[in-house]
Amino acid sequence: MNKFKQALQVSLLLIITASMTQAYDQTQEANPNMSQTEQEALVIQALNSAVGQDILQKQKEQMPKMVKVMKTLNNCLTNADTKRDALKCNANSIALAKKMGLDKEFYDEEKEVDISWSKNEKKEALAEMAIVLKVMETSLPCIEKAETMSDMIKCAPTPAAD
């Protein structure tokens, strides 16, 4: 599975992973000597607590913005015929993500993008992005209706096997 495809497949899961990581870090700081079972139980409890609700609300605000950034990137890449064009699309999408207030965890401006942007790579990237956009757009109503982090976790698709 190429790096671009991997990045696209986990775009929706980033929201949930970030939330779970934050909850896990908080539980680990509270008691670093907890067993794995105790940590998992505390993470679930934290996700459904007031802290989890705050995270949920933040993620519910960020998801529609992520969809907009992905659509903009997709539209730009559709017209990108060279590697330089594709890299400019990437830079523009990062700028848009910043402007829209997306958390830094949703983009990595320091990560070097390694692509050749051949016709075949462009075709594959656009096809993969179309799938990710469909998944994100399909999951969005579920996320918007989620009342708890447990509800939101249920909205996440299982990543496709390669």
N, C-alpha and C. Protein backbone atom coordinates (compact mmCIF):
# COMPACT_ATOMS: atom_id res chain seq x y z
N MET A 1 0.87 -1.17 0.00
CA MET A 1 0.00 0.00 0.00
C MET A 1 0.91 1.23 0.00
N ASN A 2 0.71 2.18 -0.92
CA ASN A 2 1.59 3.32 -0.96
C ASN A 2 1.28 4.30 0.17
N LYS A 3 2.24 5.19 0.44
CA LYS A 3 2.11 6.11 1.57
C LYS A 3 0.90 7.02 1.41
N PHE A 4 0.62 7.45 0.20
CA PHE A 4 -0.51 8.35 -0.04
C PHE A 4 -1.82 7.64 0.29
N LYS A 5 -1.93 6.40 -0.13
CA LYS A 5 -3.15 5.63 0.14
C LYS A 5 -3.33 5.41 1.63
N GLN A 6 -2.24 5.09 2.32
CA GLN A 6 -2.32 4.90 3.77
C GLN A 6 -2.80 6.18 4.44
N ALA A 7 -2.27 7.31 4.04
CA ALA A 7 -2.66 8.58 4.65
C ALA A 7 -4.14 8.86 4.42
N LEU A 8 -4.61 8.58 3.23
CA LEU A 8 -6.02 8.83 2.94
C LEU A 8 -6.95 7.90 3.69
N GLN A 9 -6.58 6.64 3.80
CA GLN A 9 -7.47 5.67 4.45
C GLN A 9 -7.66 5.97 5.92
N VAL A 10 -6.71 6.60 6.55
CA VAL A 10 -6.83 6.87 7.98
C VAL A 10 -7.30 8.29 8.28
N SER A 11 -7.67 9.06 7.28
CA SER A 11 -8.05 10.45 7.54
C SER A 11 -9.19 10.57 8.54
N LEU A 12 -10.22 9.78 8.39
CA LEU A 12 -11.32 9.82 9.35
C LEU A 12 -10.90 9.26 10.69
N LEU A 13 -10.09 8.22 10.67
CA LEU A 13 -9.67 7.61 11.92
C LEU A 13 -8.76 8.51 12.73
N LEU A 14 -8.15 9.52 12.12
CA LEU A 14 -7.31 10.46 12.85
C LEU A 14 -8.09 11.17 13.95
N ILE A 15 -9.30 11.52 13.65
CA ILE A 15 -10.12 12.21 14.64
C ILE A 15 -10.28 11.34 15.87
N ILE A 16 -10.64 10.11 15.67
CA ILE A 16 -10.90 9.22 16.78
C ILE A 16 -9.61 8.84 17.48
N THR A 17 -8.56 8.62 16.73
CA THR A 17 -7.27 8.29 17.33
C THR A 17 -6.77 9.43 18.19
N ALA A 18 -6.89 10.66 17.70
CA ALA A 18 -6.45 11.82 18.48
C ALA A 18 -7.23 11.91 19.78
N SER A 19 -8.49 11.68 19.72
CA SER A 19 -9.33 11.72 20.92
C SER A 19 -8.95 10.64 21.90
N MET A 20 -8.75 9.43 21.39
CA MET A 20 -8.40 8.32 22.27
C MET A 20 -7.01 8.50 22.85
N THR A 21 -6.09 9.04 22.07
CA THR A 21 -4.74 9.29 22.56
C THR A 21 -4.75 10.32 23.68
N GLN A 22 -5.53 11.36 23.51
CA GLN A 22 -5.63 12.38 24.54
C GLN A 22 -6.19 11.77 25.83
N ALA A 23 -7.22 10.98 25.70
CA ALA A 23 -7.81 10.33 26.88
C ALA A 23 -6.82 9.36 27.51
N TYR A 24 -6.10 8.60 26.69
CA TYR A 24 -5.11 7.66 27.20
C TYR A 24 -4.00 8.38 27.94
N ASP A 25 -3.50 9.47 27.34
CA ASP A 25 -2.43 10.24 28.00
C ASP A 25 -2.87 10.75 29.36
N GLN A 26 -4.11 11.18 29.44
CA GLN A 26 -4.62 11.67 30.73
C GLN A 26 -4.68 10.54 31.75
N THR A 27 -5.09 9.35 31.33
CA THR A 27 -5.16 8.23 32.27
C THR A 27 -3.76 7.78 32.67
N GLN A 28 -2.84 7.80 31.75
CA GLN A 28 -1.47 7.39 32.04
C GLN A 28 -0.82 8.35 33.02
N GLU A 29 -1.08 9.64 32.88
CA GLU A 29 -0.53 10.62 33.82
C GLU A 29 -1.14 10.44 35.20
N ALA A 30 -2.42 10.07 35.25
CA ALA A 30 -3.10 9.90 36.53
C ALA A 30 -2.50 8.76 37.34
N ASN A 31 -2.14 7.67 36.67
CA ASN A 31 -1.58 6.53 37.37
C ASN A 31 -0.75 5.69 36.38
N PRO A 32 0.54 5.95 36.30
CA PRO A 32 1.38 5.24 35.32
C PRO A 32 1.56 3.76 35.62
N ASN A 33 1.15 3.28 36.79
CA ASN A 33 1.34 1.87 37.16
C ASN A 33 0.10 1.01 36.93
N MET A 34 -0.89 1.53 36.23
CA MET A 34 -2.11 0.77 35.98
C MET A 34 -1.85 -0.37 35.01
N SER A 35 -2.63 -1.43 35.18
CA SER A 35 -2.55 -2.55 34.24
C SER A 35 -3.19 -2.12 32.91
N GLN A 36 -2.97 -2.90 31.88
CA GLN A 36 -3.55 -2.62 30.56
C GLN A 36 -5.07 -2.59 30.64
N THR A 37 -5.66 -3.53 31.35
CA THR A 37 -7.12 -3.60 31.49
C THR A 37 -7.64 -2.35 32.21
N GLU A 38 -6.95 -1.94 33.27
CA GLU A 38 -7.37 -0.74 34.01
C GLU A 38 -7.26 0.50 33.12
N GLN A 39 -6.18 0.57 32.34
CA GLN A 39 -6.00 1.71 31.44
C GLN A 39 -7.11 1.77 30.41
N GLU A 40 -7.45 0.63 29.80
CA GLU A 40 -8.51 0.60 28.80
C GLU A 40 -9.85 1.03 29.39
N ALA A 41 -10.14 0.54 30.58
CA ALA A 41 -11.40 0.91 31.24
C ALA A 41 -11.43 2.41 31.54
N LEU A 42 -10.29 2.95 31.98
CA LEU A 42 -10.23 4.37 32.30
C LEU A 42 -10.33 5.23 31.05
N VAL A 43 -9.76 4.76 29.93
CA VAL A 43 -9.88 5.49 28.67
C VAL A 43 -11.34 5.57 28.26
N ILE A 44 -12.04 4.44 28.34
CA ILE A 44 -13.47 4.43 27.98
C ILE A 44 -14.24 5.37 28.89
N GLN A 45 -13.93 5.33 30.17
CA GLN A 45 -14.59 6.23 31.12
C GLN A 45 -14.29 7.68 30.78
N ALA A 46 -13.02 7.98 30.46
CA ALA A 46 -12.63 9.35 30.12
C ALA A 46 -13.32 9.82 28.85
N LEU A 47 -13.44 8.92 27.88
CA LEU A 47 -14.09 9.30 26.62
C LEU A 47 -15.57 9.65 26.82
N ASN A 48 -16.18 9.04 27.81
CA ASN A 48 -17.59 9.32 28.07
C ASN A 48 -17.81 10.34 29.19
N SER A 49 -16.72 10.95 29.66
CA SER A 49 -16.81 11.96 30.72
C SER A 49 -16.97 13.35 30.10
N ALA A 50 -16.94 14.36 30.94
CA ALA A 50 -17.01 15.75 30.47
C ALA A 50 -15.83 16.06 29.54
N VAL A 51 -14.67 15.52 29.86
CA VAL A 51 -13.51 15.72 28.99
C VAL A 51 -13.78 15.10 27.62
N GLY A 52 -14.33 13.90 27.62
CA GLY A 52 -14.68 13.24 26.36
C GLY A 52 -15.70 14.04 25.58
N GLN A 53 -16.66 14.63 26.28
CA GLN A 53 -17.68 15.46 25.62
C GLN A 53 -17.04 16.68 24.97
N ASP A 54 -16.07 17.28 25.65
CA ASP A 54 -15.36 18.43 25.07
C ASP A 54 -14.62 18.02 23.81
N ILE A 55 -13.96 16.87 23.88
CA ILE A 55 -13.24 16.35 22.71
C ILE A 55 -14.22 16.07 21.59
N LEU A 56 -15.36 15.45 21.93
CA LEU A 56 -16.37 15.14 20.92
C LEU A 56 -16.85 16.40 20.21
N GLN A 57 -17.16 17.43 20.96
CA GLN A 57 -17.64 18.67 20.36
C GLN A 57 -16.58 19.28 19.44
N LYS A 58 -15.34 19.24 19.87
CA LYS A 58 -14.26 19.77 19.04
C LYS A 58 -14.15 18.98 17.74
N GLN A 59 -14.23 17.66 17.84
CA GLN A 59 -14.11 16.83 16.65
C GLN A 59 -15.30 17.03 15.72
N LYS A 60 -16.47 17.21 16.29
CA LYS A 60 -17.67 17.44 15.47
C LYS A 60 -17.54 18.76 14.71
N GLU A 61 -16.84 19.73 15.28
CA GLU A 61 -16.60 21.00 14.60
C GLU A 61 -15.54 20.85 13.51
N GLN A 62 -14.56 19.98 13.75
CA GLN A 62 -13.43 19.85 12.83
C GLN A 62 -13.73 18.98 11.61
N MET A 63 -14.57 17.97 11.77
CA MET A 63 -14.82 17.01 10.68
C MET A 63 -15.35 17.67 9.41
N PRO A 64 -16.36 18.54 9.48
CA PRO A 64 -16.81 19.18 8.23
C PRO A 64 -15.70 20.01 7.57
N LYS A 65 -14.84 20.57 8.37
CA LYS A 65 -13.70 21.34 7.83
C LYS A 65 -12.73 20.41 7.12
N MET A 66 -12.51 19.23 7.71
CA MET A 66 -11.62 18.26 7.06
C MET A 66 -12.18 17.85 5.71
N VAL A 67 -13.49 17.65 5.64
CA VAL A 67 -14.12 17.27 4.37
C VAL A 67 -13.89 18.38 3.35
N LYS A 68 -14.07 19.62 3.75
CA LYS A 68 -13.87 20.74 2.84
C LYS A 68 -12.42 20.80 2.34
N VAL A 69 -11.48 20.61 3.23
CA VAL A 69 -10.06 20.62 2.83
C VAL A 69 -9.78 19.48 1.86
N MET A 70 -10.32 18.29 2.15
CA MET A 70 -10.09 17.15 1.26
C MET A 70 -10.71 17.38 -0.12
N LYS A 71 -11.91 17.96 -0.15
CA LYS A 71 -12.55 18.25 -1.44
C LYS A 71 -11.73 19.26 -2.23
N THR A 72 -11.24 20.28 -1.54
CA THR A 72 -10.42 21.30 -2.20
C THR A 72 -9.14 20.68 -2.75
N LEU A 73 -8.51 19.83 -1.95
CA LEU A 73 -7.29 19.15 -2.39
C LEU A 73 -7.59 18.26 -3.59
N ASN A 74 -8.68 17.52 -3.52
CA ASN A 74 -9.07 16.64 -4.62
C ASN A 74 -9.28 17.44 -5.92
N ASN A 75 -10.01 18.54 -5.82
CA ASN A 75 -10.25 19.38 -7.00
C ASN A 75 -8.95 19.92 -7.57
N CYS A 76 -8.06 20.33 -6.69
CA CYS A 76 -6.77 20.86 -7.16
C CYS A 76 -5.95 19.75 -7.83
N LEU A 77 -5.88 18.60 -7.19
CA LEU A 77 -5.07 17.50 -7.74
C LEU A 77 -5.63 17.01 -9.07
N THR A 78 -6.93 17.14 -9.27
CA THR A 78 -7.54 16.75 -10.54
C THR A 78 -6.90 17.52 -11.70
N ASN A 79 -6.54 18.77 -11.43
CA ASN A 79 -5.95 19.62 -12.46
C ASN A 79 -4.43 19.67 -12.41
N ALA A 80 -3.82 18.93 -11.48
CA ALA A 80 -2.36 18.95 -11.32
C ALA A 80 -1.73 17.96 -12.30
N ASP A 81 -0.97 18.48 -13.24
CA ASP A 81 -0.34 17.62 -14.25
C ASP A 81 1.12 17.32 -13.96
N THR A 82 1.72 18.07 -13.05
CA THR A 82 3.14 17.86 -12.74
C THR A 82 3.32 17.68 -11.23
N LYS A 83 4.49 17.18 -10.87
CA LYS A 83 4.82 17.03 -9.46
C LYS A 83 4.76 18.39 -8.77
N ARG A 84 5.24 19.39 -9.44
CA ARG A 84 5.22 20.75 -8.87
C ARG A 84 3.77 21.20 -8.60
N ASP A 85 2.88 20.92 -9.55
CA ASP A 85 1.46 21.26 -9.36
C ASP A 85 0.88 20.52 -8.15
N ALA A 86 1.21 19.22 -8.04
CA ALA A 86 0.68 18.41 -6.93
C ALA A 86 1.21 18.92 -5.59
N LEU A 87 2.47 19.27 -5.54
CA LEU A 87 3.05 19.80 -4.30
C LEU A 87 2.43 21.15 -3.94
N LYS A 88 2.11 21.95 -4.95
CA LYS A 88 1.44 23.23 -4.70
C LYS A 88 0.04 22.99 -4.14
N CYS A 89 -0.65 21.99 -4.67
CA CYS A 89 -1.97 21.63 -4.13
C CYS A 89 -1.86 21.25 -2.67
N ASN A 90 -0.85 20.45 -2.35
CA ASN A 90 -0.63 20.03 -0.97
C ASN A 90 -0.38 21.25 -0.07
N ALA A 91 0.48 22.16 -0.53
CA ALA A 91 0.77 23.36 0.26
C ALA A 91 -0.48 24.22 0.44
N ASN A 92 -1.27 24.33 -0.60
CA ASN A 92 -2.51 25.11 -0.52
C ASN A 92 -3.51 24.47 0.44
N SER A 93 -3.57 23.14 0.45
CA SER A 93 -4.50 22.47 1.36
C SER A 93 -4.06 22.65 2.81
N ILE A 94 -2.76 22.66 3.05
CA ILE A 94 -2.25 22.91 4.40
C ILE A 94 -2.60 24.33 4.83
N ALA A 95 -2.43 25.28 3.92
CA ALA A 95 -2.78 26.68 4.23
C ALA A 95 -4.27 26.80 4.54
N LEU A 96 -5.11 26.12 3.76
CA LEU A 96 -6.55 26.16 4.00
C LEU A 96 -6.90 25.53 5.35
N ALA A 97 -6.26 24.41 5.66
CA ALA A 97 -6.50 23.74 6.94
C ALA A 97 -6.16 24.67 8.10
N LYS A 98 -5.06 25.37 7.98
CA LYS A 98 -4.66 26.34 9.02
C LYS A 98 -5.68 27.46 9.12
N LYS A 99 -6.06 28.00 7.97
CA LYS A 99 -7.01 29.12 7.93
C LYS A 99 -8.35 28.72 8.55
N MET A 100 -8.76 27.47 8.32
CA MET A 100 -10.04 26.99 8.84
C MET A 100 -9.95 26.59 10.31
N GLY A 101 -8.75 26.64 10.86
CA GLY A 101 -8.58 26.32 12.27
C GLY A 101 -8.48 24.84 12.59
N LEU A 102 -8.14 24.04 11.59
CA LEU A 102 -7.96 22.61 11.87
C LEU A 102 -6.73 22.42 12.75
N ASP A 103 -6.82 21.48 13.65
CA ASP A 103 -5.69 21.18 14.51
C ASP A 103 -4.53 20.68 13.67
N LYS A 104 -3.33 20.97 14.15
CA LYS A 104 -2.11 20.57 13.44
C LYS A 104 -2.05 19.06 13.22
N GLU A 105 -2.70 18.27 14.07
CA GLU A 105 -2.67 16.82 13.91
C GLU A 105 -3.31 16.35 12.61
N PHE A 106 -4.06 17.22 11.94
CA PHE A 106 -4.72 16.84 10.70
C PHE A 106 -3.90 17.18 9.46
N TYR A 107 -2.76 17.79 9.66
CA TYR A 107 -1.86 18.06 8.54
C TYR A 107 -0.44 18.09 9.08
N ASP A 108 0.50 17.85 8.23
CA ASP A 108 1.89 17.84 8.64
C ASP A 108 2.69 18.61 7.61
N GLU A 109 2.82 19.91 7.88
CA GLU A 109 3.50 20.75 6.91
C GLU A 109 5.00 20.49 6.86
N GLU A 110 5.54 19.83 7.87
CA GLU A 110 6.97 19.56 7.89
C GLU A 110 7.32 18.24 7.19
N LYS A 111 6.30 17.40 6.97
CA LYS A 111 6.54 16.12 6.33
C LYS A 111 6.80 16.32 4.84
N GLU A 112 7.89 15.75 4.38
CA GLU A 112 8.23 15.86 2.97
C GLU A 112 7.36 14.90 2.17
N VAL A 113 6.72 15.43 1.14
CA VAL A 113 5.86 14.61 0.29
C VAL A 113 6.73 14.02 -0.81
N ASP A 114 6.75 12.70 -0.88
CA ASP A 114 7.59 12.00 -1.85
C ASP A 114 6.70 11.35 -2.91
N ILE A 115 6.49 12.07 -4.00
CA ILE A 115 5.68 11.56 -5.09
C ILE A 115 6.37 11.83 -6.41
N SER A 116 6.05 11.02 -7.40
CA SER A 116 6.58 11.27 -8.75
C SER A 116 5.53 11.98 -9.58
N TRP A 117 4.26 11.75 -9.24
CA TRP A 117 3.09 12.32 -9.91
C TRP A 117 3.04 11.96 -11.39
N SER A 118 3.26 10.71 -11.64
CA SER A 118 3.08 10.18 -13.00
C SER A 118 1.58 10.12 -13.26
N LYS A 119 1.22 9.87 -14.51
CA LYS A 119 -0.21 9.77 -14.85
C LYS A 119 -0.86 8.65 -14.05
N ASN A 120 -0.14 7.54 -13.90
CA ASN A 120 -0.69 6.41 -13.16
C ASN A 120 -0.84 6.76 -11.68
N GLU A 121 0.17 7.41 -11.09
CA GLU A 121 0.10 7.78 -9.68
C GLU A 121 -1.04 8.78 -9.45
N LYS A 122 -1.21 9.71 -10.37
CA LYS A 122 -2.30 10.68 -10.26
C LYS A 122 -3.65 9.95 -10.29
N LYS A 123 -3.80 9.04 -11.22
CA LYS A 123 -5.05 8.30 -11.35
C LYS A 123 -5.36 7.52 -10.06
N GLU A 124 -4.34 6.83 -9.53
CA GLU A 124 -4.52 6.07 -8.30
C GLU A 124 -4.85 6.98 -7.13
N ALA A 125 -4.12 8.08 -7.01
CA ALA A 125 -4.33 9.01 -5.89
C ALA A 125 -5.74 9.58 -5.92
N LEU A 126 -6.20 9.98 -7.09
CA LEU A 126 -7.55 10.54 -7.20
C LEU A 126 -8.63 9.49 -6.91
N ALA A 127 -8.41 8.27 -7.34
CA ALA A 127 -9.37 7.20 -7.06
C ALA A 127 -9.42 6.91 -5.55
N GLU A 128 -8.26 6.87 -4.93
CA GLU A 128 -8.20 6.63 -3.49
C GLU A 128 -8.83 7.78 -2.71
N MET A 129 -8.56 9.00 -3.15
CA MET A 129 -9.13 10.16 -2.47
C MET A 129 -10.65 10.17 -2.61
N ALA A 130 -11.15 9.76 -3.75
CA ALA A 130 -12.61 9.69 -3.95
C ALA A 130 -13.24 8.73 -2.96
N ILE A 131 -12.57 7.61 -2.70
CA ILE A 131 -13.08 6.64 -1.73
C ILE A 131 -13.07 7.24 -0.33
N VAL A 132 -11.99 7.88 0.03
CA VAL A 132 -11.88 8.49 1.36
C VAL A 132 -12.93 9.58 1.54
N LEU A 133 -13.10 10.40 0.53
CA LEU A 133 -14.12 11.46 0.62
C LEU A 133 -15.51 10.86 0.79
N LYS A 134 -15.78 9.79 0.08
CA LYS A 134 -17.09 9.14 0.20
C LYS A 134 -17.28 8.61 1.62
N VAL A 135 -16.25 7.99 2.17
CA VAL A 135 -16.33 7.47 3.54
C VAL A 135 -16.54 8.61 4.52
N MET A 136 -15.77 9.68 4.36
CA MET A 136 -15.89 10.82 5.26
C MET A 136 -17.28 11.45 5.18
N GLU A 137 -17.77 11.65 3.96
CA GLU A 137 -19.08 12.26 3.79
C GLU A 137 -20.19 11.35 4.30
N THR A 138 -20.01 10.06 4.13
CA THR A 138 -20.99 9.09 4.62
C THR A 138 -20.98 9.04 6.15
N SER A 139 -19.81 9.17 6.76
CA SER A 139 -19.68 9.11 8.21
C SER A 139 -20.10 10.40 8.90
N LEU A 140 -20.05 11.50 8.18
CA LEU A 140 -20.31 12.81 8.78
C LEU A 140 -21.67 12.90 9.48
N PRO A 141 -22.77 12.47 8.87
CA PRO A 141 -24.05 12.55 9.59
C PRO A 141 -24.05 11.76 10.90
N CYS A 142 -23.40 10.61 10.91
CA CYS A 142 -23.30 9.80 12.12
C CYS A 142 -22.51 10.57 13.19
N ILE A 143 -21.41 11.17 12.79
CA ILE A 143 -20.59 11.93 13.73
C ILE A 143 -21.36 13.13 14.27
N GLU A 144 -22.09 13.81 13.39
CA GLU A 144 -22.86 14.97 13.83
C GLU A 144 -23.94 14.58 14.83
N LYS A 145 -24.48 13.37 14.73
CA LYS A 145 -25.52 12.89 15.64
C LYS A 145 -24.96 12.29 16.92
N ALA A 146 -23.66 11.97 16.93
CA ALA A 146 -23.05 11.31 18.09
C ALA A 146 -23.23 12.16 19.34
N GLU A 147 -23.64 11.50 20.40
CA GLU A 147 -23.83 12.19 21.67
C GLU A 147 -22.71 11.88 22.65
N THR A 148 -21.98 10.81 22.40
CA THR A 148 -20.85 10.43 23.25
C THR A 148 -19.69 10.01 22.34
N MET A 149 -18.51 9.92 22.95
CA MET A 149 -17.36 9.45 22.18
C MET A 149 -17.57 8.01 21.74
N SER A 150 -18.23 7.22 22.55
CA SER A 150 -18.52 5.83 22.14
C SER A 150 -19.37 5.82 20.89
N ASP A 151 -20.35 6.74 20.80
CA ASP A 151 -21.16 6.85 19.59
C ASP A 151 -20.28 7.21 18.39
N MET A 152 -19.36 8.16 18.60
CA MET A 152 -18.52 8.61 17.49
C MET A 152 -17.59 7.50 17.02
N ILE A 153 -17.07 6.72 17.94
CA ILE A 153 -16.18 5.63 17.57
C ILE A 153 -16.90 4.64 16.65
N LYS A 154 -18.18 4.45 16.88
CA LYS A 154 -18.98 3.54 16.06
C LYS A 154 -19.12 4.06 14.61
N CYS A 155 -18.88 5.35 14.42
CA CYS A 155 -19.01 5.95 13.07
C CYS A 155 -17.81 5.64 12.19
N ALA A 156 -16.70 5.28 12.79
CA ALA A 156 -15.46 5.07 12.03
C ALA A 156 -15.51 3.77 11.25
N PRO A 157 -15.16 3.83 9.97
CA PRO A 157 -15.09 2.59 9.18
C PRO A 157 -13.84 1.82 9.52
N THR A 158 -13.84 0.56 9.19
CA THR A 158 -12.65 -0.26 9.32
C THR A 158 -11.78 0.03 8.11
N PRO A 159 -10.48 0.33 8.32
CA PRO A 159 -9.61 0.59 7.16
C PRO A 159 -9.61 -0.59 6.20
N ALA A 160 -9.61 -0.29 4.93
CA ALA A 160 -9.62 -1.34 3.91
C ALA A 160 -8.29 -2.06 3.90
N ALA A 161 -8.35 -3.34 3.70
CA ALA A 161 -7.12 -4.14 3.56
C ALA A 161 -6.58 -3.92 2.15
N ASP A 162 -5.29 -4.03 2.04
CA ASP A 162 -4.66 -3.83 0.73
C ASP A 162 -4.54 -5.12 -0.02
